[in-house]
Protein backbone atom coordinates (compact mmCIF):
# COMPACT_ATOMS: atom_id res chain seq x y z
CA MET A 1 124.53 68.46 -84.80
CA ASN A 2 122.91 69.77 -81.61
CA ILE A 3 119.38 69.16 -80.40
CA GLU A 4 118.06 72.55 -81.54
CA GLU A 5 119.30 71.92 -85.10
CA LEU A 6 117.70 68.45 -85.06
CA LYS A 7 114.40 69.99 -83.87
CA ALA A 8 114.54 72.50 -86.73
CA GLN A 9 115.12 69.70 -89.26
CA ALA A 10 112.27 67.66 -87.74
CA GLN A 11 109.90 70.61 -88.12
CA GLU A 12 111.03 71.11 -91.72
CA ALA A 13 110.50 67.41 -92.48
CA LEU A 14 107.05 67.59 -90.90
CA ASP A 15 106.16 70.57 -93.08
CA ASN A 16 107.33 68.63 -96.16
CA GLY A 17 105.27 65.58 -95.24
CA ASP A 18 108.31 63.32 -94.68
CA LEU A 19 106.96 61.49 -91.61
CA ALA A 20 109.68 58.83 -91.75
CA LYS A 21 112.33 61.56 -91.50
CA VAL A 22 110.47 63.11 -88.55
CA LYS A 23 110.56 59.80 -86.67
CA GLU A 24 114.26 59.35 -87.47
CA LEU A 25 115.13 62.85 -86.21
CA LEU A 26 113.04 62.39 -83.04
CA ALA A 27 115.01 59.20 -82.36
CA GLN A 28 118.26 61.16 -82.76
CA ILE A 29 116.98 63.87 -80.40
CA LYS A 30 116.08 61.25 -77.82
CA ALA A 31 119.46 59.54 -78.21
CA GLN A 32 121.31 62.83 -77.70
CA LYS A 33 119.23 63.67 -74.63
CA ASP A 34 119.87 60.21 -73.19
CA ALA A 35 123.60 60.65 -73.83
CA GLU A 36 123.59 64.08 -72.15
CA ASN A 37 121.66 62.73 -69.16
CA GLU A 38 124.05 59.82 -68.83
CA LYS A 39 127.01 62.21 -69.08
CA GLN A 40 125.54 64.40 -66.34
CA GLU A 41 124.90 61.37 -64.14
CA LEU A 42 128.48 60.19 -64.54
CA ALA A 43 129.79 63.69 -63.81
CA THR A 44 127.64 63.84 -60.66
CA GLU A 45 128.86 60.43 -59.51
CA LEU A 46 132.47 61.44 -60.14
CA ASP A 47 131.98 64.70 -58.23
CA GLU A 48 130.36 62.89 -55.29
CA LEU A 49 133.14 60.29 -55.29
CA THR A 50 135.78 63.03 -55.25
CA LYS A 51 134.04 64.82 -52.37
CA THR A 52 133.75 61.55 -50.42
CA GLU A 53 137.45 60.75 -50.87
CA GLU A 54 138.45 64.27 -49.75
CA SER A 55 136.15 63.96 -46.73
CA GLU A 56 137.66 60.58 -45.81
CA GLU A 57 141.19 61.98 -46.08
CA LYS A 58 140.31 64.90 -43.78
CA THR A 59 138.64 62.51 -41.33
CA ASP A 60 141.72 60.25 -41.29
CA GLU A 61 143.98 63.22 -40.63
CA THR A 62 141.74 64.44 -37.77
CA GLU A 63 141.63 60.96 -36.20
CA LYS A 64 145.44 60.69 -36.35
CA ASP A 65 145.81 64.05 -34.62
CA ASP A 66 143.32 63.01 -31.91
CA VAL A 67 145.09 59.69 -31.34
CA SER A 68 148.51 61.33 -31.11
CA GLU A 69 147.24 63.82 -28.49
CA ASP A 70 145.70 61.16 -26.29
CA ASP A 71 146.71 57.53 -26.97
CA SER A 72 144.42 56.33 -24.21
CA GLU A 73 141.34 57.82 -25.83
CA THR A 74 139.26 55.21 -27.70
CA ILE A 75 136.71 55.59 -30.45
CA SER A 76 133.17 54.74 -29.42
CA ASP A 77 130.94 52.32 -31.36
CA ASP A 78 128.54 55.17 -32.20
CA GLU A 79 131.30 57.13 -33.91
CA VAL A 80 132.37 54.12 -35.98
CA VAL A 81 128.94 53.69 -37.55
CA GLN A 82 128.51 57.34 -38.44
CA GLU A 83 130.36 57.09 -41.80
CA PRO A 84 128.21 54.30 -43.32
CA GLU A 85 125.12 56.32 -42.43
CA LEU A 86 126.53 59.26 -44.36
CA ASP A 87 127.29 56.96 -47.32
CA ILE A 88 123.68 55.79 -47.34
CA VAL A 89 122.43 59.36 -47.34
CA ASP A 90 124.83 60.25 -50.17
CA GLY A 91 123.65 57.23 -52.17
CA GLN A 92 120.04 58.22 -51.71
CA ASN A 93 120.82 61.74 -52.90
CA GLU A 94 122.58 60.40 -56.00
CA GLU A 95 119.64 58.15 -56.87
CA GLN A 96 117.25 61.06 -56.33
CA GLU A 97 119.30 63.26 -58.66
CA LYS A 98 119.39 60.52 -61.31
CA GLU A 99 115.64 60.08 -61.10
CA GLU A 100 115.12 63.84 -61.41
CA LYS A 101 117.30 63.94 -64.56
CA ARG A 102 115.45 60.99 -66.08
CA SER A 103 112.18 62.78 -65.36
CA ILE A 104 113.50 65.95 -67.03
CA GLY A 105 114.56 63.91 -70.10
CA HIS A 106 111.15 62.28 -70.43
CA GLU A 107 109.44 65.63 -70.00
CA GLY A 108 111.59 67.03 -72.84
CA GLU A 109 110.63 64.17 -75.16
CA GLU A 110 106.96 64.54 -74.30
CA ARG A 111 107.23 68.28 -74.90
CA ASP A 112 108.76 67.71 -78.37
CA MET A 113 106.01 65.26 -79.32
CA LYS A 114 103.39 67.62 -77.93
CA GLU A 115 104.78 70.49 -80.02
CA ILE A 116 104.64 68.37 -83.20
CA GLN A 117 101.10 67.19 -82.42
CA GLU A 118 100.03 70.79 -81.76
CA THR A 119 101.52 71.81 -85.12
CA ILE A 120 99.53 69.07 -86.87
CA VAL A 121 96.30 70.09 -85.12
CA ASN A 122 96.92 73.75 -85.95
CA LYS A 123 97.48 72.96 -89.63
CA LEU A 124 94.24 70.95 -89.82
CA GLU A 125 92.31 73.67 -88.00
CA ASP A 126 93.74 76.30 -90.35
CA PHE A 127 92.76 74.21 -93.38
CA GLU A 128 89.24 73.91 -92.00
CA GLY A 129 89.21 77.68 -91.47
CA PHE A 130 90.36 78.16 -95.07
CA ILE A 131 87.39 76.11 -96.32
CA ARG A 132 84.77 77.63 -94.03
CA SER A 133 85.93 81.18 -94.80
CA GLU A 134 85.72 80.40 -98.53
CA GLY A 135 89.43 80.93 -99.00
CA THR A 136 89.88 84.22 -97.15
CA GLU A 137 91.67 82.83 -94.04
CA LYS A 138 95.00 81.13 -94.75
CA ARG A 139 96.77 81.63 -91.39
CA SER A 140 99.74 79.26 -91.10
CA LEU A 141 99.05 77.39 -94.36
CA ASP A 142 101.82 77.41 -96.96
CA THR A 143 100.96 78.94 -100.32
CA THR A 144 102.21 78.51 -103.87
CA SER A 145 101.11 80.53 -106.91
CA GLY A 146 98.08 81.85 -105.05
CA ALA A 147 96.87 78.42 -103.90
CA VAL A 148 97.34 76.88 -100.46
CA VAL A 149 99.28 73.67 -99.95
CA VAL A 150 97.01 71.01 -98.45
CA PRO A 151 98.51 69.89 -95.08
CA VAL A 152 100.51 66.66 -95.29
CA GLU A 153 98.19 65.02 -92.75
CA VAL A 154 95.46 65.26 -95.41
CA SER A 155 97.51 64.82 -98.60
CA THR A 156 99.29 61.68 -97.32
CA ASP A 157 95.99 59.89 -96.69
CA VAL A 158 94.66 61.05 -100.06
CA LEU A 159 97.66 59.87 -102.08
CA GLU A 160 97.91 56.55 -100.23
CA LEU A 161 94.18 55.98 -100.79
CA LYS A 162 93.40 54.27 -97.51
CA ASP A 163 89.99 53.01 -98.55
CA ASP A 164 88.39 50.12 -100.43
CA LEU A 165 88.30 51.79 -103.86
CA VAL A 166 89.92 49.91 -106.75
CA ASP A 167 93.05 51.87 -107.62
CA LEU A 168 95.33 50.61 -110.38
CA SER A 169 98.23 52.69 -109.04
CA ALA A 170 98.55 50.08 -106.28
CA TYR A 171 99.83 47.64 -108.94
CA VAL A 172 102.08 49.84 -111.10
CA THR A 173 105.53 51.23 -110.30
CA LYS A 174 104.68 54.40 -108.36
CA GLU A 175 107.30 56.83 -107.10
CA MET A 176 107.14 60.15 -105.31
CA VAL A 177 109.42 62.51 -107.23
CA GLY A 178 111.01 65.69 -105.95
CA THR A 179 111.17 67.53 -109.27
CA GLY A 180 108.59 68.40 -111.91
CA GLN A 181 110.39 66.51 -114.64
CA GLY A 182 113.38 64.28 -115.15
CA LYS A 183 114.43 60.66 -115.59
CA PHE A 184 113.78 57.89 -113.12
CA PRO A 185 115.69 54.56 -113.23
CA VAL A 186 113.28 51.64 -113.07
CA ALA A 187 114.69 48.15 -112.46
CA LYS A 188 113.83 45.66 -115.20
CA ARG A 189 113.99 41.92 -115.56
CA ALA A 190 117.65 41.23 -116.24
CA GLN A 191 118.36 38.58 -118.88
CA ALA A 192 122.11 39.08 -118.85
CA ILE A 193 124.29 36.24 -117.58
CA LEU A 194 127.58 36.21 -115.71
CA ALA A 195 130.38 35.48 -118.16
CA THR A 196 133.64 33.74 -117.30
CA LYS A 197 136.56 36.08 -116.70
CA ALA A 198 140.20 35.41 -117.49
CA GLU A 199 142.74 36.42 -114.86
CA LEU A 200 143.57 40.17 -115.05
CA ALA A 201 141.25 40.61 -118.06
CA GLU A 202 138.83 43.50 -118.20
CA ILE A 203 135.25 42.79 -117.16
CA ALA A 204 132.99 42.66 -120.19
CA GLU A 205 130.15 45.13 -120.38
CA ILE A 206 126.63 43.85 -119.70
CA ASN A 207 124.64 44.11 -122.90
CA ASP A 208 121.22 43.99 -121.28
CA PRO A 209 120.68 47.09 -119.07
CA LEU A 210 119.60 46.46 -115.49
CA PHE A 211 117.62 49.71 -115.40
CA LEU A 212 115.43 51.65 -117.78
CA ASP A 213 115.49 55.44 -117.57
CA VAL A 214 111.88 56.55 -117.79
CA GLU A 215 111.40 60.21 -118.65
CA TYR A 216 108.55 61.94 -116.86
CA LYS A 217 107.00 65.39 -116.65
CA ALA A 218 104.55 65.79 -113.79
CA GLU A 219 101.62 67.83 -115.08
CA THR A 220 99.06 69.58 -112.89
CA ARG A 221 95.62 67.97 -112.97
CA ILE A 222 92.74 69.99 -111.53
CA GLY A 223 89.46 68.77 -110.06
CA GLN A 224 86.53 70.47 -108.34
CA ILE A 225 85.07 69.85 -104.87
CA ALA A 226 81.78 71.68 -104.39
CA PHE A 227 80.67 72.90 -100.95
CA SER A 228 77.13 73.98 -100.11
CA ASN A 229 76.37 76.77 -97.66
CA GLU A 230 74.95 74.15 -95.28
CA LEU A 231 78.28 72.33 -95.18
CA LEU A 232 80.24 75.51 -94.52
CA GLU A 233 77.90 76.88 -91.85
CA ASP A 234 77.32 73.66 -89.88
CA ALA A 235 80.15 73.39 -87.35
CA ALA A 236 79.18 69.79 -86.59
CA ILE A 237 80.15 68.68 -90.12
CA ASP A 238 83.81 67.72 -90.61
CA VAL A 239 84.54 69.66 -93.80
CA VAL A 240 88.18 68.46 -93.84
CA ALA A 241 87.06 64.81 -93.85
CA TYR A 242 84.55 65.64 -96.60
CA ALA A 243 87.27 67.30 -98.69
CA LYS A 244 89.64 64.37 -98.09
CA LYS A 245 87.04 61.83 -99.24
CA GLN A 246 86.32 63.78 -102.42
CA MET A 247 90.05 64.18 -103.13
CA GLN A 248 90.57 60.43 -102.72
CA ARG A 249 87.93 59.70 -105.35
CA MET A 250 89.38 62.31 -107.71
CA VAL A 251 92.92 60.96 -107.34
CA LYS A 252 91.72 57.37 -107.78
CA ASN A 253 89.75 58.20 -110.91
CA THR A 254 92.68 60.20 -112.31
CA ASN A 255 95.10 57.34 -111.67
CA ASN A 256 92.85 54.70 -113.23
CA LYS A 257 92.08 56.74 -116.32
CA ASN A 258 95.70 57.64 -117.09
CA ILE A 259 97.05 54.16 -116.31
CA LEU A 260 94.49 52.61 -118.66
CA ASP A 261 95.50 55.14 -121.33
CA VAL A 262 99.05 53.77 -121.07
CA LEU A 263 97.85 50.13 -121.17
CA ASN A 264 95.81 50.88 -124.29
CA GLY A 265 99.06 51.58 -126.11
CA PHE A 266 100.32 47.99 -125.70
CA ALA A 267 100.30 45.45 -128.53
CA LYS A 268 97.04 43.61 -129.20
CA THR A 269 96.42 39.92 -129.58
CA ASN A 270 93.22 38.12 -130.58
CA ALA A 271 91.34 35.50 -128.59
CA THR A 272 87.98 33.80 -128.97
CA THR A 273 88.14 30.96 -126.44
CA ALA A 274 89.48 30.15 -123.00
CA ASP A 275 92.32 28.22 -124.66
CA ASP A 276 93.31 31.38 -126.53
CA LEU A 277 93.49 33.26 -123.23
CA LYS A 278 95.68 30.49 -121.83
CA ARG A 279 97.98 30.84 -124.85
CA VAL A 280 98.51 34.53 -124.09
CA ILE A 281 99.53 33.69 -120.52
CA ASN A 282 101.57 30.57 -121.28
CA VAL A 283 103.30 31.50 -124.55
CA GLU A 284 102.99 35.13 -125.57
CA LEU A 285 104.25 36.61 -122.29
CA ASP A 286 107.42 35.91 -120.31
CA PRO A 287 106.73 33.35 -117.52
CA GLU A 288 108.90 35.40 -115.14
CA LEU A 289 106.41 38.26 -115.22
CA ASP A 290 104.05 38.72 -112.29
CA LEU A 291 100.95 38.59 -114.47
CA LYS A 292 97.62 40.15 -113.55
CA ILE A 293 94.40 40.14 -115.61
CA VAL A 294 92.45 43.41 -115.84
CA LEU A 295 88.80 42.93 -116.81
CA ASN A 296 85.97 45.38 -117.22
CA GLN A 297 82.44 44.40 -116.20
CA ASP A 298 81.48 43.09 -119.66
CA ALA A 299 84.54 40.82 -119.93
CA TYR A 300 84.09 39.68 -116.35
CA GLN A 301 80.47 38.69 -117.01
CA VAL A 302 81.41 36.63 -120.08
CA ILE A 303 84.35 34.85 -118.44
CA ASP A 304 82.41 34.32 -115.21
CA THR A 305 79.96 32.13 -117.14
CA MET A 306 82.62 30.07 -118.95
CA LYS A 307 83.28 26.50 -117.81
CA ASP A 308 86.01 23.98 -118.45
CA ALA A 309 85.53 20.47 -119.90
CA ASP A 310 84.49 19.16 -116.47
CA GLY A 311 81.82 21.81 -116.04
CA ARG A 312 83.76 23.91 -113.53
CA TYR A 313 83.70 27.69 -113.79
CA LEU A 314 86.98 29.19 -115.01
CA LEU A 315 86.93 32.01 -112.49
CA GLN A 316 88.01 30.63 -109.12
CA ASP A 317 87.48 32.14 -105.68
CA SER A 318 90.58 33.63 -104.06
CA ILE A 319 90.96 35.41 -100.73
CA ALA A 320 94.33 36.78 -101.90
CA SER A 321 92.78 38.77 -104.75
CA ALA A 322 91.04 42.13 -104.16
CA SER A 323 88.26 41.09 -106.54
CA GLY A 324 88.01 37.72 -104.82
CA LYS A 325 88.65 35.87 -108.11
CA MET A 326 91.52 34.29 -110.04
CA LEU A 327 91.71 33.13 -113.66
CA PHE A 328 94.22 30.44 -114.63
CA GLY A 329 96.00 31.06 -111.33
CA LYS A 330 96.40 34.80 -112.00
CA GLU A 331 94.85 37.62 -109.96
CA VAL A 332 91.83 39.29 -111.57
CA ILE A 333 91.44 43.07 -111.24
CA LEU A 334 87.89 44.24 -111.92
CA VAL A 335 87.27 47.79 -113.18
CA SER A 336 84.02 49.42 -114.23
CA ASN A 337 82.87 49.82 -117.82
CA LYS A 338 83.00 53.59 -117.31
CA VAL A 339 86.71 53.45 -116.55
CA ALA A 340 87.54 50.87 -119.21
CA PRO A 341 84.87 50.90 -121.95
CA THR A 342 84.41 47.77 -124.02
CA PRO A 343 86.26 48.16 -127.37
CA LYS A 344 84.26 48.02 -130.57
CA ASN A 345 83.62 44.48 -131.90
CA SER A 346 84.90 42.98 -128.63
CA ILE A 347 83.19 41.14 -125.80
CA GLY A 348 84.97 43.20 -123.14
CA TYR A 349 88.14 44.95 -122.08
CA ILE A 350 90.99 42.58 -121.17
CA PHE A 351 94.63 43.36 -120.38
CA VAL A 352 97.05 40.62 -119.36
CA GLY A 353 100.46 41.63 -118.06
CA ASP A 354 102.79 42.67 -115.29
CA LEU A 355 101.50 46.11 -114.31
CA ALA A 356 104.60 46.96 -112.29
CA GLU A 357 106.77 46.46 -115.40
CA SER A 358 104.22 48.05 -117.72
CA VAL A 359 103.52 51.46 -116.19
CA PHE A 360 105.60 54.02 -114.30
CA MET A 361 103.69 56.63 -112.32
CA ALA A 362 105.51 59.76 -111.12
CA GLN A 363 103.70 61.71 -108.43
CA ARG A 364 104.47 64.83 -106.41
CA SER A 365 103.57 64.60 -102.73
CA GLU A 366 102.12 68.12 -102.69
CA ILE A 367 98.42 68.81 -103.27
CA THR A 368 97.23 72.39 -103.76
CA ALA A 369 93.78 73.86 -103.20
CA GLU A 370 92.26 77.17 -104.26
CA TRP A 371 88.79 78.51 -103.49
CA GLU A 372 86.86 79.31 -106.65
CA LYS A 373 83.38 80.03 -107.92
CA PHE A 374 82.68 77.38 -110.54
CA ASP A 375 79.53 78.91 -112.00
CA ARG A 376 76.52 80.97 -110.95
CA TYR A 377 75.30 78.31 -108.52
CA SER A 378 78.34 76.39 -107.25
CA LYS A 379 81.59 77.15 -105.46
CA GLY A 380 84.29 75.20 -103.74
CA LEU A 381 87.88 74.01 -103.92
CA ALA A 382 89.83 73.64 -107.14
CA VAL A 383 92.25 70.86 -106.14
CA GLY A 384 95.44 70.22 -108.09
CA VAL A 385 97.71 67.15 -108.10
CA ARG A 386 100.86 66.75 -110.17
CA SER A 387 101.58 63.39 -111.79
CA ASP A 388 102.68 61.63 -114.97
CA TYR A 389 102.18 58.14 -116.40
CA LYS A 390 104.58 56.40 -118.79
CA ALA A 391 105.04 52.94 -120.31
CA ILE A 392 108.09 51.01 -119.12
CA ASP A 393 108.50 47.70 -120.97
CA ALA A 394 106.40 47.20 -124.10
CA GLU A 395 106.78 43.41 -123.76
CA ALA A 396 105.38 43.26 -120.23
CA GLY A 397 101.74 42.95 -121.27
CA LYS A 398 99.15 42.42 -124.00
CA LEU A 399 95.76 43.87 -124.81
CA VAL A 400 93.43 41.00 -125.62
CA ASN A 401 90.84 41.54 -128.37
CA PHE A 402 88.35 38.98 -127.08
CA THR A 403 85.60 38.18 -129.56
CA ALA A 404 82.89 35.56 -129.83
CA PRO A 405 83.91 32.40 -131.67
CA ALA A 406 82.77 32.17 -135.27
CA ALA A 407 79.48 30.33 -135.83
CA LYS A 408 79.85 26.83 -137.22
């Protein structure tokens, strides 16, 4: 594959948001250019060597003719040193040519990177123009079903949620999928063992599957980002950054809500004391699971005031946990009451389990945006993301119905 084809693939990968592929292709382009430069350098050296040898042969023949014509004629010291001086000049020329080729190679690499950076800047500027023109200017932006595709430089940051917001998708099994629906193999905890095998006998089938095929269907989920006239008309305001921040919150809220909907389908177990919570962790769930404890604000408040027999608080400080707390050696994930309301007749919302083995999240990398008028007074972007959320292993977690102990 030649350099032009690699450049075309790199541009296509950039348009699709596959930054890792772009880097890989740029490395291949650089390697090919280095190989071509090295080949040219070797060819130049070989050509110079051939010319030098031919020149030496002609010189030898001329000297022999001169000597045969006049045996008494001697070669002066000045003439003897002429050839090394020519060699030095030739060597300097070769080094100069090599340096020029290296410079050309570096300039080509810098030009490729500059072209990619210019493409990124142009896409962002066009997206800003799309917002400020209230959807009338699309320029180089890709479109699908009447909506524009949000540039990958924006959508990547949105989907990766590079901020401090609590996002449960960081704990579940999340995969970017290339199709709207299908099956995705998710690795599970294997309980099968290696059986002994007789010589030449067929290998027995493994009863416990190593993977679970999770069916998904990525559905479009729409949210609204309102823009005031002041935002659109003030050139000093970064409307792209504003849109990105709002999209991040929408995606985070969507993830949390749908993941919790999946967790709410898990089996329930009752608990009234700290010892009951320990039983769930120690006995009711597999010790090989990477257990996390999801608490809403109400449950957190109750457990935060509980103490052990020695008067020490059950919740312990932990720099490794995002919430800064651990319970019985397990990371605590704190969510708001709005996201996870307290169930009826319960002290608070509690889920104990391995989130990565509990929930599969399928997500498309593409985000679409369409300018709309929401009502008589507001207008802005209708932003769409495509995702789906499914349960993986029903035995990977438990919903805890935590109630106050009965009065004695």
